[in-house]
Amino acid sequence: MPRFQFEIAIVLAVSIACSLAVFYLTRPEEGKIQLPTHVESSEEAYHGPDPFDVTKPEDIIDGYPIGADAFWARVRWSELLEVLYV
């Protein structure tokens, strides 16, 4: 058994307690990143429109399914082949 093992353990326990107390007392009050909650405030904060708003009219227009029955038939066959192959 090493010399002063009990004393070293006491010093380590006290230093852990002091570190936790200092950490708790000096933590920031707000803590987390504050994101804007309104669209108006985000435009004011970034001095312009949203840079990620890249939607085009073509993205919103509904398309027409081309051969939907044939597509789903192929999907069913591929799922069946996967089950049999594995």
C-alpha atoms as a PDB file:
ATOM      1  CA  MET A   1       0.000   0.000   0.000  1.00  0.00           C
ATOM      2  CA  PRO A   2       1.518   3.357  -1.015  1.00  0.00           C
ATOM      3  CA  ARG A   3       2.304   5.916   1.652  1.00  0.00           C
ATOM      4  CA  PHE A   4      -0.217   8.713   2.189  1.00  0.00           C
ATOM      5  CA  GLN A   5      -2.882   6.970   0.102  1.00  0.00           C
ATOM      6  CA  PHE A   6      -5.685   8.197   2.371  1.00  0.00           C
ATOM      7  CA  GLU A   7      -4.385  11.780   2.368  1.00  0.00           C
ATOM      8  CA  ILE A   8      -4.066  11.786  -1.433  1.00  0.00           C
ATOM      9  CA  ALA A   9      -7.640  10.516  -1.752  1.00  0.00           C
ATOM     10  CA  ILE A  10      -8.877  13.321   0.514  1.00  0.00           C
ATOM     11  CA  VAL A  11      -6.985  15.958  -1.498  1.00  0.00           C
ATOM     12  CA  LEU A  12      -8.411  14.600  -4.770  1.00  0.00           C
ATOM     13  CA  ALA A  13     -11.971  14.517  -3.397  1.00  0.00           C
ATOM     14  CA  VAL A  14     -11.698  18.096  -2.125  1.00  0.00           C
ATOM     15  CA  SER A  15     -10.258  19.304  -5.435  1.00  0.00           C
ATOM     16  CA  ILE A  16     -13.127  17.620  -7.338  1.00  0.00           C
ATOM     17  CA  ALA A  17     -15.666  19.277  -5.037  1.00  0.00           C
ATOM     18  CA  CYS A  18     -13.991  22.677  -5.496  1.00  0.00           C
ATOM     19  CA  SER A  19     -13.846  22.248  -9.266  1.00  0.00           C
ATOM     20  CA  LEU A  20     -17.544  21.367  -9.440  1.00  0.00           C
ATOM     21  CA  ALA A  21     -18.454  24.345  -7.250  1.00  0.00           C
ATOM     22  CA  VAL A  22     -16.418  26.756  -9.403  1.00  0.00           C
ATOM     23  CA  PHE A  23     -17.883  25.241 -12.581  1.00  0.00           C
ATOM     24  CA  TYR A  24     -21.438  25.610 -11.219  1.00  0.00           C
ATOM     25  CA  LEU A  25     -20.962  29.184  -9.995  1.00  0.00           C
ATOM     26  CA  THR A  26     -19.260  30.490 -13.159  1.00  0.00           C
ATOM     27  CA  ARG A  27     -21.603  28.947 -15.741  1.00  0.00           C
ATOM     28  CA  PRO A  28     -23.220  31.371 -18.213  1.00  0.00           C
ATOM     29  CA  GLU A  29     -26.811  32.313 -17.431  1.00  0.00           C
ATOM     30  CA  GLU A  30     -28.212  32.045 -20.984  1.00  0.00           C
ATOM     31  CA  GLY A  31     -25.990  29.193 -22.042  1.00  0.00           C
ATOM     32  CA  LYS A  32     -27.260  28.146 -25.420  1.00  0.00           C
ATOM     33  CA  ILE A  33     -27.228  29.768 -28.833  1.00  0.00           C
ATOM     34  CA  GLN A  34     -30.246  32.032 -29.231  1.00  0.00           C
ATOM     35  CA  LEU A  35     -31.870  31.611 -32.628  1.00  0.00           C
ATOM     36  CA  PRO A  36     -34.429  34.084 -33.965  1.00  0.00           C
ATOM     37  CA  THR A  37     -38.022  32.988 -33.436  1.00  0.00           C
ATOM     38  CA  HIS A  38     -39.690  35.239 -36.021  1.00  0.00           C
ATOM     39  CA  VAL A  39     -39.047  35.606 -39.742  1.00  0.00           C
ATOM     40  CA  GLU A  40     -38.888  39.391 -39.439  1.00  0.00           C
ATOM     41  CA  SER A  41     -36.179  39.215 -36.804  1.00  0.00           C
ATOM     42  CA  SER A  42     -34.091  36.778 -38.872  1.00  0.00           C
ATOM     43  CA  GLU A  43     -34.186  39.081 -41.901  1.00  0.00           C
ATOM     44  CA  GLU A  44     -33.170  42.014 -39.726  1.00  0.00           C
ATOM     45  CA  ALA A  45     -30.379  40.021 -38.093  1.00  0.00           C
ATOM     46  CA  TYR A  46     -28.872  38.797 -41.375  1.00  0.00           C
ATOM     47  CA  HIS A  47     -29.499  41.979 -43.382  1.00  0.00           C
ATOM     48  CA  GLY A  48     -31.365  40.337 -46.209  1.00  0.00           C
ATOM     49  CA  PRO A  49     -33.565  37.459 -47.280  1.00  0.00           C
ATOM     50  CA  ASP A  50     -33.007  33.865 -46.274  1.00  0.00           C
ATOM     51  CA  PRO A  51     -29.995  32.525 -48.240  1.00  0.00           C
ATOM     52  CA  PHE A  52     -31.395  28.982 -48.094  1.00  0.00           C
ATOM     53  CA  ASP A  53     -34.690  29.869 -49.777  1.00  0.00           C
ATOM     54  CA  VAL A  54     -33.855  28.354 -53.174  1.00  0.00           C
ATOM     55  CA  THR A  55     -37.294  27.033 -54.132  1.00  0.00           C
ATOM     56  CA  LYS A  56     -38.179  27.545 -57.783  1.00  0.00           C
ATOM     57  CA  PRO A  57     -41.677  27.372 -59.275  1.00  0.00           C
ATOM     58  CA  GLU A  58     -40.695  24.134 -61.030  1.00  0.00           C
ATOM     59  CA  ASP A  59     -40.120  22.502 -57.657  1.00  0.00           C
ATOM     60  CA  ILE A  60     -43.706  23.064 -56.557  1.00  0.00           C
ATOM     61  CA  ILE A  61     -45.551  21.985 -59.722  1.00  0.00           C
ATOM     62  CA  ASP A  62     -46.990  18.484 -59.457  1.00  0.00           C
ATOM     63  CA  GLY A  63     -45.807  16.036 -62.072  1.00  0.00           C
ATOM     64  CA  TYR A  64     -47.591  13.175 -63.738  1.00  0.00           C
ATOM     65  CA  PRO A  65     -46.633   9.599 -62.898  1.00  0.00           C
ATOM     66  CA  ILE A  66     -45.250   7.785 -65.911  1.00  0.00           C
ATOM     67  CA  GLY A  67     -46.106   4.115 -65.861  1.00  0.00           C
ATOM     68  CA  ALA A  68     -46.944   3.921 -62.173  1.00  0.00           C
ATOM     69  CA  ASP A  69     -48.284   0.359 -62.421  1.00  0.00           C
ATOM     70  CA  ALA A  70     -45.141  -0.868 -64.167  1.00  0.00           C
ATOM     71  CA  PHE A  71     -42.957   0.853 -61.594  1.00  0.00           C
ATOM     72  CA  TRP A  72     -44.728  -0.745 -58.632  1.00  0.00           C
ATOM     73  CA  ALA A  73     -44.643  -4.142 -60.346  1.00  0.00           C
ATOM     74  CA  ARG A  74     -40.852  -3.830 -60.663  1.00  0.00           C
ATOM     75  CA  VAL A  75     -40.612  -2.795 -57.006  1.00  0.00           C
ATOM     76  CA  ARG A  76     -42.608  -5.837 -55.918  1.00  0.00           C
ATOM     77  CA  TRP A  77     -40.375  -8.141 -57.972  1.00  0.00           C
ATOM     78  CA  SER A  78     -37.206  -6.552 -56.618  1.00  0.00           C
ATOM     79  CA  GLU A  79     -38.471  -6.923 -53.030  1.00  0.00           C
ATOM     80  CA  LEU A  80     -39.344 -10.562 -53.698  1.00  0.00           C
ATOM     81  CA  LEU A  81     -35.891 -11.203 -55.174  1.00  0.00           C
ATOM     82  CA  GLU A  82     -34.227  -9.545 -52.173  1.00  0.00           C
ATOM     83  CA  VAL A  83     -36.167 -11.768 -49.776  1.00  0.00           C
ATOM     84  CA  LEU A  84     -35.281 -14.905 -51.741  1.00  0.00           C
ATOM     85  CA  TYR A  85     -31.653 -13.919 -52.241  1.00  0.00           C
ATOM     86  CA  VAL A  86     -30.981 -13.146 -48.582  1.00  0.00           C
END
